[in-house]
Amino acid sequence: MSVPLLLVLSACILVMAILYSSVGHGGASGYIAILALFSLAPAAFKPTALVLNILVSAIATFYFSRAGHFSWRLFWPFAATSIPFSFLGGYLRLPTHVYQPLVRVLLASAYRLFPRKDCETTEELRPSITAALMVGAVLGFLSGLTGVGGGIFLSPLLLLLGWARVKEVSAVAALFILVNSIAGLLGHIGSLQTIPRYVPILAVAALAGGITGSFFGSSRFPASAIVRALSVVLIIAGFKLLFI
């Protein structure tokens, strides 16, 4: 890869990391879309995206947790079942037409979230442990099937059902994505041999973007801005499923 092309690719990764980390996400769906647009080898998509996803979601977890937005009680039931089911989903391969309902779900969620005016509410209805365990299993399975971070499905669900406040959603989603991405990378450990030499450069760009987005998302952006950013993230993820 030429130096100018690598610089442009790194700049795109930087922007994507800023956008995703501002809502507590790692950015895997965005990174895969970018790699595809640059016509890079498809075999490198998943391991590259997972490595960048782990870095950015770890940073987002740190910033949102340090700002006091993380809730262990909300997090653990979703994660407990999502991790094993993400392994199960990773073994299966879906035909293209099966992705269409998932795309509609993501785009509908983006549409529902964008005009919300009640983003600053401090009231929420906590899910029962049983409901969270069941939802975590479904989201983990979808994450493994699609290769899209589970937070893409978890964040809008928590917001639309009123199960958490906006920045609390970002904090929980960040760690949720981190543990599932680590599980996914371990499940595809053989893919580590296919990580190209340009990944460390992209990792630097992702780290810079993750720090920037997480800092502003956790302590500077209002909740309404985070919800609108999440809408954009959902749209990107939807188009990734549709075209990649």
Protein backbone atom coordinates (compact mmCIF):
# COMPACT_ATOMS: atom_id res chain seq x y z
CA MET A 1 0.00 0.00 0.00
CA SER A 2 1.34 3.42 -0.97
CA VAL A 3 2.02 6.04 1.69
CA PRO A 4 -0.62 8.54 0.40
CA LEU A 5 -3.28 5.80 0.35
CA LEU A 6 -2.32 4.70 3.86
CA LEU A 7 -2.61 8.28 5.11
CA VAL A 8 -6.08 8.70 3.62
CA LEU A 9 -7.16 5.34 5.03
CA SER A 10 -5.80 6.31 8.47
CA ALA A 11 -7.69 9.62 8.33
CA CYS A 12 -10.93 7.76 7.58
CA ILE A 13 -10.29 5.39 10.50
CA LEU A 14 -9.60 8.39 12.75
CA VAL A 15 -12.91 10.05 11.87
CA MET A 16 -14.85 6.81 12.26
CA ALA A 17 -13.23 6.14 15.66
CA ILE A 18 -14.18 9.64 16.87
CA LEU A 19 -17.79 9.18 15.81
CA TYR A 20 -18.23 5.68 17.25
CA SER A 21 -16.34 6.23 20.52
CA SER A 22 -18.41 9.35 21.26
CA VAL A 23 -21.38 6.99 21.76
CA GLY A 24 -19.38 4.25 23.51
CA HIS A 25 -18.93 2.02 20.45
CA GLY A 26 -15.78 0.49 19.02
CA GLY A 27 -16.49 1.10 15.33
CA ALA A 28 -16.07 -2.36 13.77
CA SER A 29 -18.92 -1.91 11.29
CA GLY A 30 -17.49 1.43 10.19
CA TYR A 31 -13.97 0.06 9.82
CA ILE A 32 -15.18 -2.86 7.70
CA ALA A 33 -17.10 -0.46 5.45
CA ILE A 34 -13.98 1.69 5.01
CA LEU A 35 -11.73 -1.28 4.27
CA ALA A 36 -14.23 -2.47 1.66
CA LEU A 37 -14.42 0.98 0.05
CA PHE A 38 -10.63 0.95 -0.27
CA SER A 39 -10.85 -2.47 -1.97
CA LEU A 40 -8.56 -4.16 0.53
CA ALA A 41 -8.39 -7.95 0.93
CA PRO A 42 -11.66 -9.26 2.44
CA ALA A 43 -9.71 -11.79 4.52
CA ALA A 44 -8.24 -8.90 6.50
CA PHE A 45 -11.60 -7.26 7.30
CA LYS A 46 -12.63 -9.16 10.41
CA PRO A 47 -9.27 -9.43 12.26
CA THR A 48 -8.39 -5.81 11.46
CA ALA A 49 -11.80 -4.53 12.57
CA LEU A 50 -11.70 -6.62 15.75
CA VAL A 51 -8.26 -5.32 16.75
CA LEU A 52 -9.33 -1.69 16.19
CA ASN A 53 -12.65 -2.37 17.89
CA ILE A 54 -10.94 -3.68 21.02
CA LEU A 55 -8.64 -0.67 21.24
CA VAL A 56 -11.38 1.92 20.80
CA SER A 57 -13.98 0.22 23.00
CA ALA A 58 -11.37 -0.16 25.77
CA ILE A 59 -10.71 3.57 25.63
CA ALA A 60 -14.44 4.34 25.62
CA THR A 61 -14.94 2.02 28.59
CA PHE A 62 -12.26 3.89 30.53
CA TYR A 63 -13.57 7.40 29.80
CA PHE A 64 -17.27 6.71 30.31
CA SER A 65 -16.59 4.69 33.47
CA ARG A 66 -14.27 7.34 34.89
CA ALA A 67 -17.01 9.91 34.32
CA GLY A 68 -19.30 7.82 36.53
CA HIS A 69 -21.70 6.54 33.88
CA PHE A 70 -21.09 2.77 34.15
CA SER A 71 -23.55 0.42 35.87
CA TRP A 72 -22.33 -3.10 36.64
CA ARG A 73 -25.83 -4.21 37.60
CA LEU A 74 -27.11 -3.26 34.16
CA PHE A 75 -24.10 -4.69 32.32
CA TRP A 76 -23.43 -8.16 33.66
CA PRO A 77 -26.64 -10.04 32.71
CA PHE A 78 -26.36 -8.94 29.07
CA ALA A 79 -22.68 -9.91 28.89
CA ALA A 80 -23.08 -13.24 30.69
CA THR A 81 -25.09 -14.78 27.86
CA SER A 82 -23.88 -12.69 24.92
CA ILE A 83 -20.29 -14.00 25.05
CA PRO A 84 -21.04 -17.74 24.60
CA PHE A 85 -23.79 -17.07 22.07
CA SER A 86 -21.48 -14.85 20.01
CA PHE A 87 -19.21 -17.89 19.63
CA LEU A 88 -22.20 -19.92 18.43
CA GLY A 89 -23.27 -17.26 15.96
CA GLY A 90 -19.74 -17.01 14.63
CA TYR A 91 -19.87 -20.59 13.41
CA LEU A 92 -22.84 -19.92 11.13
CA ARG A 93 -22.95 -18.10 7.80
CA LEU A 94 -26.13 -16.34 6.73
CA PRO A 95 -27.34 -15.93 3.14
CA THR A 96 -27.49 -12.29 2.06
CA HIS A 97 -31.29 -11.98 2.07
CA VAL A 98 -31.45 -12.87 5.77
CA TYR A 99 -29.63 -9.63 6.59
CA GLN A 100 -32.48 -7.48 5.28
CA PRO A 101 -34.63 -7.63 8.46
CA LEU A 102 -31.58 -6.68 10.56
CA VAL A 103 -30.93 -3.71 8.29
CA ARG A 104 -34.53 -2.57 8.69
CA VAL A 105 -34.22 -2.86 12.48
CA LEU A 106 -31.10 -0.67 12.58
CA LEU A 107 -32.49 1.97 10.22
CA ALA A 108 -35.83 2.04 12.06
CA SER A 109 -33.95 2.49 15.35
CA ALA A 110 -31.98 5.37 13.88
CA TYR A 111 -35.21 7.00 12.70
CA ARG A 112 -36.84 6.58 16.12
CA LEU A 113 -33.87 7.93 18.06
CA PHE A 114 -32.93 10.96 15.98
CA PRO A 115 -35.89 13.23 16.79
CA ARG A 116 -36.04 12.35 20.49
CA LYS A 117 -36.51 15.38 22.76
CA ASP A 118 -36.45 13.55 26.10
CA CYS A 119 -32.75 12.64 26.01
CA GLU A 120 -31.93 14.31 29.33
CA THR A 121 -34.44 12.32 31.39
CA THR A 122 -33.05 10.75 34.54
CA GLU A 123 -35.82 8.17 34.87
CA GLU A 124 -35.38 4.63 33.63
CA LEU A 125 -37.00 1.26 34.08
CA ARG A 126 -34.43 -1.42 34.81
CA PRO A 127 -34.86 -4.74 33.00
CA SER A 128 -35.26 -7.88 35.05
CA ILE A 129 -32.24 -10.18 35.21
CA THR A 130 -34.15 -12.83 33.27
CA ALA A 131 -35.02 -10.38 30.48
CA ALA A 132 -31.43 -9.11 30.33
CA LEU A 133 -30.04 -12.65 30.13
CA MET A 134 -32.41 -13.52 27.29
CA VAL A 135 -31.71 -10.31 25.39
CA GLY A 136 -27.96 -10.78 25.87
CA ALA A 137 -28.14 -14.24 24.31
CA VAL A 138 -30.03 -12.92 21.28
CA LEU A 139 -27.71 -9.94 20.82
CA GLY A 140 -24.60 -12.09 21.20
CA PHE A 141 -25.93 -14.50 18.59
CA LEU A 142 -26.70 -11.63 16.18
CA SER A 143 -23.24 -10.18 16.82
CA GLY A 144 -21.59 -13.48 15.92
CA LEU A 145 -23.77 -13.94 12.84
CA THR A 146 -23.24 -10.50 11.36
CA GLY A 147 -19.77 -9.55 12.54
CA VAL A 148 -21.25 -6.24 13.77
CA GLY A 149 -20.49 -5.23 17.35
CA GLY A 150 -23.27 -6.20 19.74
CA GLY A 151 -23.48 -2.62 20.96
CA ILE A 152 -25.10 -1.67 17.66
CA PHE A 153 -28.14 -3.64 18.81
CA LEU A 154 -27.82 -3.08 22.57
CA SER A 155 -27.64 0.73 22.62
CA PRO A 156 -30.87 1.53 20.75
CA LEU A 157 -32.69 -1.22 22.64
CA LEU A 158 -31.71 0.22 26.03
CA LEU A 159 -32.71 3.72 24.95
CA LEU A 160 -35.98 2.89 23.21
CA LEU A 161 -37.17 0.70 26.10
CA GLY A 162 -36.08 3.29 28.67
CA TRP A 163 -33.80 0.83 30.47
CA ALA A 164 -30.95 3.33 31.00
CA ARG A 165 -29.89 6.95 30.64
CA VAL A 166 -28.04 8.00 27.50
CA LYS A 167 -24.48 8.14 28.82
CA GLU A 168 -25.07 5.08 30.96
CA VAL A 169 -26.01 3.27 27.75
CA SER A 170 -22.72 4.38 26.18
CA ALA A 171 -20.70 3.15 29.17
CA VAL A 172 -22.42 -0.24 29.26
CA ALA A 173 -22.23 -0.64 25.48
CA ALA A 174 -18.50 0.12 25.50
CA LEU A 175 -17.62 -2.73 27.87
CA PHE A 176 -20.20 -5.00 26.21
CA ILE A 177 -18.49 -4.44 22.86
CA LEU A 178 -15.04 -4.88 24.41
CA VAL A 179 -15.72 -8.30 25.94
CA ASN A 180 -17.55 -9.56 22.86
CA SER A 181 -14.79 -8.32 20.55
CA ILE A 182 -12.16 -10.09 22.64
CA ALA A 183 -14.27 -13.25 22.51
CA GLY A 184 -14.63 -12.86 18.75
CA LEU A 185 -10.90 -12.37 18.27
CA LEU A 186 -10.15 -15.43 20.37
CA GLY A 187 -12.69 -17.35 18.32
CA HIS A 188 -10.86 -16.33 15.17
CA ILE A 189 -7.35 -16.63 16.59
CA GLY A 190 -6.12 -18.19 13.36
CA SER A 191 -6.95 -14.93 11.59
CA LEU A 192 -4.17 -13.21 13.51
CA GLN A 193 -1.75 -14.56 10.93
CA THR A 194 -3.55 -12.59 8.22
CA ILE A 195 -3.35 -9.16 9.88
CA PRO A 196 -1.50 -6.96 7.37
CA ARG A 197 1.49 -4.82 8.24
CA TYR A 198 -0.46 -1.57 7.95
CA VAL A 199 -2.68 -2.42 10.96
CA PRO A 200 -0.34 -0.78 13.55
CA ILE A 201 -0.65 2.51 11.64
CA LEU A 202 -4.42 2.19 11.61
CA ALA A 203 -4.29 1.33 15.31
CA VAL A 204 -2.56 4.64 16.06
CA ALA A 205 -5.29 6.50 14.15
CA ALA A 206 -8.00 4.51 15.95
CA LEU A 207 -6.43 5.23 19.35
CA ALA A 208 -6.27 8.97 18.63
CA GLY A 209 -9.86 8.96 17.45
CA GLY A 210 -11.00 6.83 20.38
CA ILE A 211 -9.42 9.16 22.92
CA THR A 212 -10.92 12.23 21.27
CA GLY A 213 -14.43 10.85 20.81
CA SER A 214 -14.58 9.21 24.25
CA PHE A 215 -13.41 12.34 26.03
CA PHE A 216 -16.00 14.58 24.42
CA GLY A 217 -18.77 11.97 24.51
CA SER A 218 -18.32 11.15 28.20
CA SER A 219 -17.94 14.65 29.58
CA ARG A 220 -18.56 17.37 26.99
CA PHE A 221 -21.34 16.41 24.57
CA PRO A 222 -24.95 16.70 25.78
CA ALA A 223 -27.09 13.57 25.77
CA SER A 224 -29.04 14.81 22.75
CA ALA A 225 -25.85 15.04 20.68
CA ILE A 226 -24.89 11.47 21.65
CA VAL A 227 -28.30 10.16 20.59
CA ARG A 228 -28.00 11.85 17.22
CA ALA A 229 -24.48 10.49 16.78
CA LEU A 230 -25.82 7.05 17.64
CA SER A 231 -28.41 7.45 14.88
CA VAL A 232 -25.61 8.07 12.38
CA VAL A 233 -23.72 5.03 13.70
CA LEU A 234 -26.82 2.85 13.25
CA ILE A 235 -27.25 4.06 9.68
CA ILE A 236 -23.61 3.24 8.88
CA ALA A 237 -24.02 -0.21 10.42
CA GLY A 238 -27.20 -0.79 8.44
CA PHE A 239 -25.57 0.07 5.14
CA LYS A 240 -22.59 -2.08 6.07
CA LEU A 241 -24.91 -5.08 6.46
CA LEU A 242 -26.67 -4.20 3.22
CA PHE A 243 -23.69 -3.73 0.94
CA ILE A 244 -20.59 -5.33 2.46
